[in-house]
Amino acid sequence: MKIQILVLALLFATVFYGQETKDIKSAKKFQQKLNKEFSSKEESPLKEEDLANFESLDFFPIDSSFIVNATLTLHKDSEPFPMKTTTDRLPIYKIYATANFEIKGKAYSLEIYQNEKLVLTTEYEDYLFLPFTDKTNGNGSYGGGRYLDLKLPEGDSIIIDFNQAYNPYCAYNDKYSCPVPPKGNNLDIEVLAGVKSFKH
């Protein structure tokens, strides 16, 4: 009996470690991709003087406790609305779902959005947008909040990895027009994961 328990414990630990390693690899790949984009003269949102000295973005340490499996409440009949931006531009979004999840034992929820124009394109037809604010804004992370890119899930749950939270382009260059996270999409917690504020 003791041997069976030990085998099961080892099996569980192996599966858990394998999943954690996969999550960490995914977050590291995200960081590498972002740094590659920011290093590129063609793709980077950085101002010319910042690009000339760019080496890497600053990231919070990768933390698996900020990878959550969220249950979705779908909003199939949600009305399209204009989302505020940092300029006069008003892109049209609709609420796709409310994501309900826990971080370190405490329950939270965030709304996930679909852009009305992007959903009509082949490249972004499965794209979901999750802008949010948290207690690190202006104190470790960009003051205007951060974004997460998600894909349409097959069921009624979705993995949200806050280690892949990134800053809007407005954090680096004021020539851009960036959606402002709706007030309801605020987390009353320090999300110590993802991209930190940019140091010039």
N, C-alpha and C. Protein backbone atom coordinates (compact mmCIF):
# COMPACT_ATOMS: atom_id res chain seq x y z
N MET A 1 0.84 -1.21 0.00
CA MET A 1 0.00 0.00 0.00
C MET A 1 0.87 1.26 0.00
N LYS A 2 1.92 1.23 0.85
CA LYS A 2 2.82 2.38 0.93
C LYS A 2 3.53 2.61 -0.40
N ILE A 3 3.88 1.50 -1.06
CA ILE A 3 4.56 1.60 -2.36
C ILE A 3 3.64 2.24 -3.39
N GLN A 4 2.37 1.84 -3.39
CA GLN A 4 1.40 2.40 -4.33
C GLN A 4 1.23 3.90 -4.11
N ILE A 5 1.15 4.31 -2.85
CA ILE A 5 1.01 5.73 -2.53
C ILE A 5 2.24 6.50 -3.00
N LEU A 6 3.41 5.91 -2.78
CA LEU A 6 4.66 6.55 -3.20
C LEU A 6 4.72 6.71 -4.71
N VAL A 7 4.30 5.65 -5.44
CA VAL A 7 4.30 5.69 -6.91
C VAL A 7 3.35 6.77 -7.41
N LEU A 8 2.14 6.83 -6.80
CA LEU A 8 1.16 7.85 -7.20
C LEU A 8 1.68 9.26 -6.92
N ALA A 9 2.33 9.41 -5.78
CA ALA A 9 2.89 10.72 -5.42
C ALA A 9 3.96 11.14 -6.40
N LEU A 10 4.82 10.22 -6.77
CA LEU A 10 5.89 10.50 -7.74
C LEU A 10 5.30 10.82 -9.11
N LEU A 11 4.25 10.10 -9.49
CA LEU A 11 3.60 10.33 -10.78
C LEU A 11 2.97 11.71 -10.82
N PHE A 12 2.29 12.07 -9.73
CA PHE A 12 1.67 13.39 -9.65
C PHE A 12 2.73 14.48 -9.72
N ALA A 13 3.81 14.29 -8.99
CA ALA A 13 4.89 15.29 -8.97
C ALA A 13 5.51 15.45 -10.35
N THR A 14 5.67 14.33 -11.06
CA THR A 14 6.24 14.36 -12.41
C THR A 14 5.35 15.12 -13.37
N VAL A 15 4.03 14.85 -13.30
CA VAL A 15 3.07 15.53 -14.17
C VAL A 15 3.04 17.02 -13.85
N PHE A 16 3.02 17.34 -12.54
CA PHE A 16 2.98 18.75 -12.11
C PHE A 16 4.23 19.47 -12.55
N TYR A 17 5.38 18.82 -12.36
CA TYR A 17 6.66 19.45 -12.74
C TYR A 17 6.72 19.65 -14.25
N GLY A 18 6.21 18.64 -14.98
CA GLY A 18 6.22 18.75 -16.44
C GLY A 18 5.37 19.91 -16.92
N GLN A 19 4.19 20.09 -16.31
CA GLN A 19 3.30 21.19 -16.67
C GLN A 19 3.92 22.52 -16.31
N GLU A 20 4.54 22.58 -15.11
CA GLU A 20 5.17 23.83 -14.67
C GLU A 20 6.32 24.20 -15.60
N THR A 21 7.11 23.21 -16.00
CA THR A 21 8.21 23.46 -16.92
C THR A 21 7.69 23.97 -18.25
N LYS A 22 6.60 23.39 -18.73
CA LYS A 22 5.98 23.81 -19.98
C LYS A 22 5.52 25.27 -19.89
N ASP A 23 4.90 25.63 -18.76
CA ASP A 23 4.42 27.00 -18.55
C ASP A 23 5.58 27.99 -18.53
N ILE A 24 6.67 27.60 -17.85
CA ILE A 24 7.84 28.47 -17.76
C ILE A 24 8.48 28.65 -19.14
N LYS A 25 8.55 27.57 -19.90
CA LYS A 25 9.10 27.65 -21.26
C LYS A 25 8.26 28.57 -22.13
N SER A 26 6.94 28.48 -21.98
CA SER A 26 6.03 29.32 -22.76
C SER A 26 6.23 30.80 -22.42
N ALA A 27 6.40 31.11 -21.13
CA ALA A 27 6.62 32.49 -20.70
C ALA A 27 7.97 33.01 -21.19
N LYS A 28 8.99 32.17 -21.16
CA LYS A 28 10.31 32.57 -21.65
C LYS A 28 10.29 32.81 -23.16
N LYS A 29 9.54 31.98 -23.86
CA LYS A 29 9.39 32.15 -25.31
C LYS A 29 8.70 33.47 -25.62
N PHE A 30 7.68 33.82 -24.82
CA PHE A 30 6.98 35.09 -24.97
C PHE A 30 7.95 36.25 -24.78
N GLN A 31 8.78 36.19 -23.74
CA GLN A 31 9.75 37.25 -23.47
C GLN A 31 10.74 37.40 -24.62
N GLN A 32 11.21 36.29 -25.14
CA GLN A 32 12.17 36.32 -26.25
C GLN A 32 11.55 36.92 -27.50
N LYS A 33 10.31 36.55 -27.77
CA LYS A 33 9.60 37.08 -28.94
C LYS A 33 9.40 38.58 -28.82
N LEU A 34 9.03 39.03 -27.62
CA LEU A 34 8.80 40.46 -27.39
C LEU A 34 10.09 41.25 -27.54
N ASN A 35 11.19 40.73 -26.99
CA ASN A 35 12.47 41.41 -27.11
C ASN A 35 12.94 41.47 -28.56
N LYS A 36 12.66 40.42 -29.31
CA LYS A 36 13.02 40.40 -30.73
C LYS A 36 12.26 41.48 -31.49
N GLU A 37 10.96 41.60 -31.19
CA GLU A 37 10.13 42.62 -31.83
C GLU A 37 10.63 44.02 -31.50
N PHE A 38 10.96 44.23 -30.23
CA PHE A 38 11.38 45.56 -29.79
C PHE A 38 12.78 45.91 -30.31
N SER A 39 13.56 44.91 -30.67
CA SER A 39 14.90 45.15 -31.20
C SER A 39 14.88 45.46 -32.69
N SER A 40 13.77 45.14 -33.34
CA SER A 40 13.65 45.30 -34.79
C SER A 40 13.31 46.73 -35.17
N LYS A 41 14.09 47.29 -36.07
CA LYS A 41 13.84 48.66 -36.52
C LYS A 41 12.49 48.77 -37.22
N GLU A 42 12.05 47.69 -37.87
CA GLU A 42 10.79 47.68 -38.61
C GLU A 42 9.59 47.49 -37.70
N GLU A 43 9.74 46.75 -36.62
CA GLU A 43 8.59 46.39 -35.77
C GLU A 43 8.51 47.15 -34.45
N SER A 44 9.62 47.66 -33.97
CA SER A 44 9.67 48.23 -32.63
C SER A 44 8.82 49.49 -32.48
N PRO A 45 8.08 49.61 -31.36
CA PRO A 45 7.33 50.84 -31.08
C PRO A 45 8.20 51.92 -30.43
N LEU A 46 9.45 51.56 -30.12
CA LEU A 46 10.33 52.48 -29.41
C LEU A 46 10.69 53.69 -30.26
N LYS A 47 10.91 54.79 -29.57
CA LYS A 47 11.43 55.98 -30.23
C LYS A 47 12.86 55.69 -30.68
N GLU A 48 13.29 56.42 -31.68
CA GLU A 48 14.60 56.16 -32.29
C GLU A 48 15.73 56.16 -31.26
N GLU A 49 15.70 57.13 -30.34
CA GLU A 49 16.77 57.23 -29.35
C GLU A 49 16.73 56.07 -28.35
N ASP A 50 15.51 55.56 -28.05
CA ASP A 50 15.40 54.42 -27.13
C ASP A 50 15.81 53.12 -27.82
N LEU A 51 15.48 53.00 -29.09
CA LEU A 51 15.83 51.80 -29.85
C LEU A 51 17.35 51.67 -29.97
N ALA A 52 18.03 52.79 -30.11
CA ALA A 52 19.49 52.77 -30.28
C ALA A 52 20.19 52.15 -29.07
N ASN A 53 19.59 52.29 -27.88
CA ASN A 53 20.20 51.78 -26.65
C ASN A 53 19.49 50.55 -26.09
N PHE A 54 18.53 50.01 -26.85
CA PHE A 54 17.70 48.91 -26.32
C PHE A 54 18.47 47.60 -26.25
N GLU A 55 18.34 46.93 -25.10
CA GLU A 55 18.91 45.59 -24.93
C GLU A 55 17.83 44.57 -24.58
N SER A 56 16.95 44.94 -23.64
CA SER A 56 15.88 44.03 -23.22
C SER A 56 14.85 44.79 -22.41
N LEU A 57 13.60 44.33 -22.50
CA LEU A 57 12.56 44.83 -21.61
C LEU A 57 12.79 44.26 -20.23
N ASP A 58 12.22 44.90 -19.23
CA ASP A 58 12.29 44.38 -17.86
C ASP A 58 11.04 43.55 -17.59
N PHE A 59 11.23 42.40 -16.99
CA PHE A 59 10.12 41.51 -16.67
C PHE A 59 10.14 41.16 -15.18
N PHE A 60 8.95 40.96 -14.63
CA PHE A 60 8.88 40.37 -13.30
C PHE A 60 9.35 38.91 -13.43
N PRO A 61 9.88 38.33 -12.34
CA PRO A 61 10.24 36.91 -12.40
C PRO A 61 9.03 36.06 -12.77
N ILE A 62 9.25 35.04 -13.59
CA ILE A 62 8.15 34.16 -13.99
C ILE A 62 7.62 33.43 -12.76
N ASP A 63 6.31 33.50 -12.59
CA ASP A 63 5.67 32.96 -11.39
C ASP A 63 4.44 32.16 -11.81
N SER A 64 4.50 30.85 -11.58
CA SER A 64 3.40 29.97 -12.01
C SER A 64 2.10 30.21 -11.25
N SER A 65 2.17 30.92 -10.12
CA SER A 65 0.93 31.21 -9.37
C SER A 65 0.08 32.24 -10.09
N PHE A 66 0.66 32.91 -11.10
CA PHE A 66 -0.10 33.86 -11.91
C PHE A 66 -0.53 33.25 -13.25
N ILE A 67 -0.54 31.93 -13.29
CA ILE A 67 -1.12 31.21 -14.43
C ILE A 67 -2.39 30.56 -13.91
N VAL A 68 -3.54 30.98 -14.43
CA VAL A 68 -4.81 30.54 -13.87
C VAL A 68 -5.69 29.87 -14.93
N ASN A 69 -6.48 28.93 -14.47
CA ASN A 69 -7.48 28.30 -15.33
C ASN A 69 -8.82 28.96 -15.00
N ALA A 70 -9.28 29.83 -15.88
CA ALA A 70 -10.48 30.62 -15.61
C ALA A 70 -11.73 29.96 -16.20
N THR A 71 -12.81 30.02 -15.44
CA THR A 71 -14.12 29.58 -15.93
C THR A 71 -14.80 30.75 -16.61
N LEU A 72 -15.37 30.51 -17.77
CA LEU A 72 -15.95 31.59 -18.57
C LEU A 72 -17.47 31.64 -18.46
N THR A 73 -17.99 32.84 -18.28
CA THR A 73 -19.42 33.11 -18.42
C THR A 73 -19.56 33.87 -19.73
N LEU A 74 -20.10 33.22 -20.75
CA LEU A 74 -20.17 33.82 -22.08
C LEU A 74 -21.26 34.89 -22.16
N HIS A 75 -21.01 35.90 -22.98
CA HIS A 75 -21.97 36.98 -23.19
C HIS A 75 -22.34 37.02 -24.68
N LYS A 76 -23.14 36.07 -25.09
CA LYS A 76 -23.47 35.91 -26.51
C LYS A 76 -24.28 37.08 -27.07
N ASP A 77 -25.05 37.75 -26.22
CA ASP A 77 -25.90 38.85 -26.70
C ASP A 77 -25.39 40.22 -26.27
N SER A 78 -24.09 40.32 -25.99
CA SER A 78 -23.55 41.61 -25.53
C SER A 78 -23.59 42.65 -26.64
N GLU A 79 -23.89 43.88 -26.26
CA GLU A 79 -23.98 44.97 -27.22
C GLU A 79 -22.60 45.56 -27.49
N PRO A 80 -22.27 45.81 -28.76
CA PRO A 80 -21.00 46.47 -29.09
C PRO A 80 -20.92 47.84 -28.43
N PHE A 81 -19.72 48.24 -28.04
CA PHE A 81 -19.54 49.55 -27.40
C PHE A 81 -18.20 50.14 -27.82
N PRO A 82 -18.08 51.48 -27.80
CA PRO A 82 -16.81 52.12 -28.11
C PRO A 82 -15.89 52.10 -26.89
N MET A 83 -14.71 51.54 -27.05
CA MET A 83 -13.77 51.50 -25.93
C MET A 83 -12.88 52.75 -25.95
N LYS A 84 -12.74 53.38 -24.81
CA LYS A 84 -11.91 54.57 -24.71
C LYS A 84 -10.46 54.24 -25.03
N THR A 85 -9.77 55.21 -25.63
CA THR A 85 -8.35 55.07 -25.92
C THR A 85 -7.61 56.30 -25.42
N THR A 86 -6.33 56.32 -25.62
CA THR A 86 -5.51 57.46 -25.20
C THR A 86 -5.65 58.64 -26.16
N THR A 87 -6.39 58.45 -27.25
CA THR A 87 -6.67 59.53 -28.20
C THR A 87 -8.18 59.61 -28.42
N ASP A 88 -8.60 60.28 -29.46
CA ASP A 88 -10.04 60.38 -29.76
C ASP A 88 -10.59 59.13 -30.46
N ARG A 89 -9.71 58.24 -30.83
CA ARG A 89 -10.14 57.01 -31.52
C ARG A 89 -11.01 56.16 -30.60
N LEU A 90 -12.08 55.60 -31.16
CA LEU A 90 -13.00 54.77 -30.38
C LEU A 90 -13.28 53.45 -31.09
N PRO A 91 -12.39 52.48 -30.93
CA PRO A 91 -12.63 51.17 -31.56
C PRO A 91 -13.83 50.48 -30.93
N ILE A 92 -14.52 49.69 -31.72
CA ILE A 92 -15.73 49.02 -31.24
C ILE A 92 -15.41 47.59 -30.76
N TYR A 93 -15.80 47.33 -29.54
CA TYR A 93 -15.61 46.01 -28.94
C TYR A 93 -16.94 45.48 -28.43
N LYS A 94 -16.95 44.20 -28.15
CA LYS A 94 -18.06 43.62 -27.40
C LYS A 94 -17.47 42.68 -26.35
N ILE A 95 -18.22 42.47 -25.28
CA ILE A 95 -17.75 41.56 -24.24
C ILE A 95 -17.96 40.13 -24.72
N TYR A 96 -16.88 39.38 -24.80
CA TYR A 96 -16.98 37.97 -25.18
C TYR A 96 -17.39 37.12 -23.97
N ALA A 97 -16.73 37.36 -22.85
CA ALA A 97 -17.01 36.55 -21.65
C ALA A 97 -16.46 37.23 -20.42
N THR A 98 -16.96 36.80 -19.27
CA THR A 98 -16.37 37.16 -17.99
C THR A 98 -15.56 35.96 -17.52
N ALA A 99 -14.29 36.20 -17.22
CA ALA A 99 -13.41 35.13 -16.75
C ALA A 99 -13.38 35.15 -15.22
N ASN A 100 -13.69 34.03 -14.61
CA ASN A 100 -13.69 33.89 -13.16
C ASN A 100 -12.56 32.95 -12.74
N PHE A 101 -11.73 33.39 -11.81
CA PHE A 101 -10.55 32.61 -11.45
C PHE A 101 -10.08 32.96 -10.05
N GLU A 102 -9.08 32.22 -9.58
CA GLU A 102 -8.48 32.50 -8.27
C GLU A 102 -6.99 32.72 -8.42
N ILE A 103 -6.46 33.65 -7.65
CA ILE A 103 -5.02 33.84 -7.53
C ILE A 103 -4.69 33.77 -6.05
N LYS A 104 -3.87 32.79 -5.72
CA LYS A 104 -3.44 32.60 -4.32
C LYS A 104 -4.63 32.51 -3.38
N GLY A 105 -5.66 31.78 -3.82
CA GLY A 105 -6.81 31.49 -2.97
C GLY A 105 -7.90 32.53 -2.93
N LYS A 106 -7.71 33.64 -3.66
CA LYS A 106 -8.72 34.69 -3.66
C LYS A 106 -9.39 34.79 -5.03
N ALA A 107 -10.71 34.98 -5.06
CA ALA A 107 -11.47 34.98 -6.31
C ALA A 107 -11.43 36.35 -6.98
N TYR A 108 -11.31 36.32 -8.32
CA TYR A 108 -11.31 37.54 -9.14
C TYR A 108 -12.09 37.29 -10.41
N SER A 109 -12.42 38.38 -11.10
CA SER A 109 -13.05 38.24 -12.41
C SER A 109 -12.62 39.40 -13.31
N LEU A 110 -12.51 39.12 -14.60
CA LEU A 110 -12.16 40.12 -15.61
C LEU A 110 -13.00 39.87 -16.85
N GLU A 111 -13.31 40.94 -17.56
CA GLU A 111 -14.04 40.80 -18.82
C GLU A 111 -13.04 40.64 -19.97
N ILE A 112 -13.38 39.76 -20.89
CA ILE A 112 -12.57 39.51 -22.09
C ILE A 112 -13.34 40.05 -23.28
N TYR A 113 -12.65 40.71 -24.21
CA TYR A 113 -13.31 41.42 -25.30
C TYR A 113 -12.93 40.89 -26.68
N GLN A 114 -13.80 41.18 -27.64
CA GLN A 114 -13.55 40.94 -29.06
C GLN A 114 -13.67 42.25 -29.81
N ASN A 115 -12.72 42.52 -30.69
CA ASN A 115 -12.77 43.71 -31.54
C ASN A 115 -13.65 43.41 -32.74
N GLU A 116 -14.64 44.26 -33.00
CA GLU A 116 -15.63 44.02 -34.05
C GLU A 116 -15.02 43.93 -35.45
N LYS A 117 -13.94 44.69 -35.71
CA LYS A 117 -13.29 44.65 -37.02
C LYS A 117 -12.34 43.47 -37.15
N LEU A 118 -11.54 43.24 -36.10
CA LEU A 118 -10.55 42.17 -36.18
C LEU A 118 -11.19 40.80 -36.33
N VAL A 119 -12.34 40.61 -35.71
CA VAL A 119 -13.00 39.30 -35.75
C VAL A 119 -13.43 38.92 -37.17
N LEU A 120 -13.49 39.91 -38.05
CA LEU A 120 -13.88 39.66 -39.44
C LEU A 120 -12.70 39.28 -40.33
N THR A 121 -11.48 39.36 -39.78
CA THR A 121 -10.29 39.01 -40.56
C THR A 121 -9.87 37.57 -40.29
N THR A 122 -9.24 36.96 -41.26
CA THR A 122 -8.79 35.57 -41.11
C THR A 122 -7.72 35.44 -40.04
N GLU A 123 -6.81 36.41 -40.00
CA GLU A 123 -5.68 36.34 -39.07
C GLU A 123 -6.11 36.48 -37.61
N TYR A 124 -7.15 37.27 -37.37
CA TYR A 124 -7.55 37.56 -35.98
C TYR A 124 -8.97 37.12 -35.63
N GLU A 125 -9.52 36.21 -36.40
CA GLU A 125 -10.91 35.80 -36.15
C GLU A 125 -11.08 35.08 -34.81
N ASP A 126 -9.97 34.51 -34.28
CA ASP A 126 -10.05 33.82 -32.98
C ASP A 126 -9.35 34.60 -31.87
N TYR A 127 -9.12 35.90 -32.10
CA TYR A 127 -8.37 36.73 -31.16
C TYR A 127 -9.27 37.31 -30.07
N LEU A 128 -8.80 37.23 -28.85
CA LEU A 128 -9.49 37.83 -27.70
C LEU A 128 -8.55 38.80 -27.00
N PHE A 129 -9.12 39.86 -26.45
CA PHE A 129 -8.35 40.95 -25.87
C PHE A 129 -8.70 41.10 -24.39
N LEU A 130 -7.67 41.09 -23.54
CA LEU A 130 -7.89 41.22 -22.10
C LEU A 130 -7.01 42.35 -21.54
N PRO A 131 -7.56 43.57 -21.48
CA PRO A 131 -6.85 44.68 -20.84
C PRO A 131 -7.19 44.72 -19.35
N PHE A 132 -6.21 45.04 -18.51
CA PHE A 132 -6.50 45.06 -17.07
C PHE A 132 -5.57 46.02 -16.35
N THR A 133 -5.98 46.41 -15.16
CA THR A 133 -5.14 47.18 -14.26
C THR A 133 -4.98 46.41 -12.96
N ASP A 134 -3.94 46.76 -12.20
CA ASP A 134 -3.71 46.11 -10.91
C ASP A 134 -2.90 47.05 -10.03
N LYS A 135 -2.53 46.60 -8.86
CA LYS A 135 -1.87 47.47 -7.88
C LYS A 135 -0.40 47.76 -8.19
N THR A 136 0.15 47.16 -9.23
CA THR A 136 1.53 47.49 -9.59
C THR A 136 1.59 48.68 -10.54
N ASN A 137 0.45 49.10 -11.09
CA ASN A 137 0.45 50.18 -12.07
C ASN A 137 1.02 51.47 -11.48
N GLY A 138 2.03 52.00 -12.13
CA GLY A 138 2.68 53.19 -11.62
C GLY A 138 3.68 52.90 -10.52
N ASN A 139 3.78 51.65 -10.13
CA ASN A 139 4.71 51.25 -9.07
C ASN A 139 5.32 49.89 -9.42
N GLY A 140 6.01 49.88 -10.54
CA GLY A 140 6.61 48.63 -11.01
C GLY A 140 6.19 48.30 -12.42
N SER A 141 4.92 48.57 -12.74
CA SER A 141 4.43 48.35 -14.10
C SER A 141 3.85 49.66 -14.65
N TYR A 142 3.56 49.66 -15.93
CA TYR A 142 3.06 50.86 -16.61
C TYR A 142 1.78 51.37 -15.94
N GLY A 143 1.70 52.67 -15.73
CA GLY A 143 0.58 53.26 -15.01
C GLY A 143 -0.76 53.11 -15.67
N GLY A 144 -0.77 52.94 -16.99
CA GLY A 144 -2.04 52.83 -17.71
C GLY A 144 -2.60 51.44 -17.82
N GLY A 145 -1.98 50.47 -17.16
CA GLY A 145 -2.47 49.10 -17.24
C GLY A 145 -1.73 48.29 -18.29
N ARG A 146 -2.08 47.02 -18.38
CA ARG A 146 -1.41 46.11 -19.32
C ARG A 146 -2.44 45.28 -20.09
N TYR A 147 -1.94 44.56 -21.09
CA TYR A 147 -2.80 43.76 -21.97
C TYR A 147 -2.38 42.29 -21.95
N LEU A 148 -3.35 41.44 -22.30
CA LEU A 148 -3.09 40.03 -22.57
C LEU A 148 -3.79 39.65 -23.87
N ASP A 149 -3.12 38.88 -24.71
CA ASP A 149 -3.71 38.35 -25.93
C ASP A 149 -4.13 36.91 -25.68
N LEU A 150 -5.36 36.58 -26.04
CA LEU A 150 -5.87 35.22 -25.85
C LEU A 150 -6.49 34.71 -27.15
N LYS A 151 -6.71 33.40 -27.20
CA LYS A 151 -7.37 32.77 -28.34
C LYS A 151 -8.71 32.20 -27.91
N LEU A 152 -9.65 32.15 -28.85
CA LEU A 152 -10.95 31.56 -28.55
C LEU A 152 -10.77 30.13 -28.04
N PRO A 153 -11.31 29.82 -26.88
CA PRO A 153 -11.20 28.46 -26.36
C PRO A 153 -12.25 27.54 -26.97
N GLU A 154 -12.04 26.26 -26.82
CA GLU A 154 -13.02 25.29 -27.34
C GLU A 154 -14.18 25.09 -26.38
N GLY A 155 -13.94 25.27 -25.11
CA GLY A 155 -14.99 25.05 -24.12
C GLY A 155 -15.32 26.29 -23.31
N ASP A 156 -15.68 26.08 -22.04
CA ASP A 156 -16.09 27.20 -21.19
C ASP A 156 -15.02 27.55 -20.15
N SER A 157 -13.76 27.29 -20.50
CA SER A 157 -12.65 27.67 -19.64
C SER A 157 -11.48 28.12 -20.50
N ILE A 158 -10.57 28.86 -19.89
CA ILE A 158 -9.42 29.38 -20.63
C ILE A 158 -8.24 29.57 -19.68
N ILE A 159 -7.03 29.33 -20.18
CA ILE A 159 -5.83 29.56 -19.40
C ILE A 159 -5.40 31.01 -19.58
N ILE A 160 -5.21 31.71 -18.47
CA ILE A 160 -4.72 33.09 -18.50
C ILE A 160 -3.35 33.11 -17.82
N ASP A 161 -2.34 33.48 -18.56
CA ASP A 161 -0.97 33.53 -18.04
C ASP A 161 -0.53 34.98 -17.92
N PHE A 162 -0.59 35.50 -16.70
CA PHE A 162 -0.22 36.90 -16.48
C PHE A 162 1.27 37.14 -16.68
N ASN A 163 2.06 36.08 -16.77
CA ASN A 163 3.47 36.24 -17.11
C ASN A 163 3.63 36.77 -18.54
N GLN A 164 2.56 36.69 -19.31
CA GLN A 164 2.60 37.18 -20.69
C GLN A 164 1.85 38.51 -20.85
N ALA A 165 1.66 39.21 -19.73
CA ALA A 165 1.05 40.55 -19.77
C ALA A 165 2.08 41.53 -20.33
N TYR A 166 1.64 42.38 -21.22
CA TYR A 166 2.56 43.32 -21.85
C TYR A 166 1.98 44.75 -21.83
N ASN A 167 2.86 45.71 -22.04
CA ASN A 167 2.44 47.11 -22.03
C ASN A 167 1.87 47.53 -23.38
N PRO A 168 0.90 48.45 -23.37
CA PRO A 168 0.47 49.04 -24.64
C PRO A 168 1.62 49.86 -25.23
N TYR A 169 1.58 50.04 -26.54
CA TYR A 169 2.64 50.80 -27.21
C TYR A 169 2.78 52.22 -26.65
N CYS A 170 1.70 52.75 -26.09
CA CYS A 170 1.73 54.10 -25.52
C CYS A 170 2.72 54.22 -24.37
N ALA A 171 3.09 53.11 -23.78
CA ALA A 171 4.07 53.12 -22.69
C ALA A 171 5.46 53.49 -23.21
N TYR A 172 5.64 53.35 -24.52
CA TYR A 172 6.95 53.58 -25.12
C TYR A 172 6.99 54.78 -26.06
N ASN A 173 5.83 55.12 -26.60
CA ASN A 173 5.80 56.17 -27.62
C ASN A 173 4.40 56.77 -27.68
N ASP A 174 4.30 58.08 -27.47
CA ASP A 174 2.98 58.72 -27.41
C ASP A 174 2.34 58.94 -28.77
N LYS A 175 2.95 58.47 -29.83
CA LYS A 175 2.35 58.60 -31.15
C LYS A 175 1.25 57.56 -31.37
N TYR A 176 1.18 56.57 -30.48
CA TYR A 176 0.21 55.50 -30.63
C TYR A 176 -1.11 55.81 -29.92
N SER A 177 -2.17 55.17 -30.40
CA SER A 177 -3.49 55.26 -29.77
C SER A 177 -3.79 53.90 -29.15
N CYS A 178 -3.96 53.86 -27.84
CA CYS A 178 -4.09 52.58 -27.14
C CYS A 178 -5.38 52.49 -26.34
N PRO A 179 -6.06 51.36 -26.39
CA PRO A 179 -7.26 51.18 -25.56
C PRO A 179 -6.93 51.33 -24.08
N VAL A 180 -7.83 51.97 -23.36
CA VAL A 180 -7.70 52.14 -21.92
C VAL A 180 -8.51 51.04 -21.24
N PRO A 181 -7.90 50.24 -20.36
CA PRO A 181 -8.65 49.18 -19.70
C PRO A 181 -9.90 49.72 -19.00
N PRO A 182 -11.07 49.16 -19.27
CA PRO A 182 -12.30 49.60 -18.58
C PRO A 182 -12.14 49.52 -17.06
N LYS A 183 -12.83 50.42 -16.36
CA LYS A 183 -12.67 50.52 -14.90
C LYS A 183 -12.97 49.20 -14.19
N GLY A 184 -13.92 48.44 -14.73
CA GLY A 184 -14.28 47.18 -14.08
C GLY A 184 -13.21 46.12 -14.18
N ASN A 185 -12.25 46.31 -15.07
CA ASN A 185 -11.21 45.30 -15.26
C ASN A 185 -9.97 45.61 -14.41
N ASN A 186 -10.24 45.83 -13.14
CA ASN A 186 -9.17 46.10 -12.19
C ASN A 186 -9.04 44.95 -11.20
N LEU A 187 -7.80 44.53 -10.97
CA LEU A 187 -7.53 43.49 -9.98
C LEU A 187 -6.97 44.13 -8.73
N ASP A 188 -7.61 43.86 -7.60
CA ASP A 188 -7.20 44.43 -6.32
C ASP A 188 -6.07 43.60 -5.72
N ILE A 189 -4.99 43.51 -6.49
CA ILE A 189 -3.84 42.70 -6.11
C ILE A 189 -2.65 43.17 -6.93
N GLU A 190 -1.46 42.93 -6.43
CA GLU A 190 -0.26 43.20 -7.22
C GLU A 190 0.01 42.02 -8.14
N VAL A 191 -0.11 42.23 -9.42
CA VAL A 191 0.19 41.17 -10.39
C VAL A 191 1.68 41.28 -10.71
N LEU A 192 2.48 40.58 -9.92
CA LEU A 192 3.92 40.64 -10.07
C LEU A 192 4.38 39.66 -11.13
N ALA A 193 3.90 39.88 -12.33
CA ALA A 193 4.20 39.00 -13.47
C ALA A 193 4.07 39.81 -14.75
N GLY A 194 4.79 39.38 -15.79
CA GLY A 194 4.71 40.08 -17.06
C GLY A 194 5.72 41.20 -17.18
N VAL A 195 5.45 42.11 -18.11
CA VAL A 195 6.36 43.21 -18.40
C VAL A 195 6.27 44.32 -17.36
N LYS A 196 7.43 44.82 -16.96
CA LYS A 196 7.49 45.95 -16.02
C LYS A 196 7.41 47.26 -16.80
N SER A 197 7.41 48.36 -16.07
CA SER A 197 7.41 49.68 -16.71
C SER A 197 8.74 49.88 -17.45
N PHE A 198 8.69 50.71 -18.48
CA PHE A 198 9.86 50.92 -19.35
C PHE A 198 10.76 52.01 -18.78
N LYS A 199 12.05 51.69 -18.70
CA LYS A 199 13.03 52.65 -18.22
C LYS A 199 13.80 53.21 -19.41
N HIS A 200 13.68 54.50 -19.63
CA HIS A 200 14.36 55.15 -20.75
C HIS A 200 15.85 55.28 -20.47
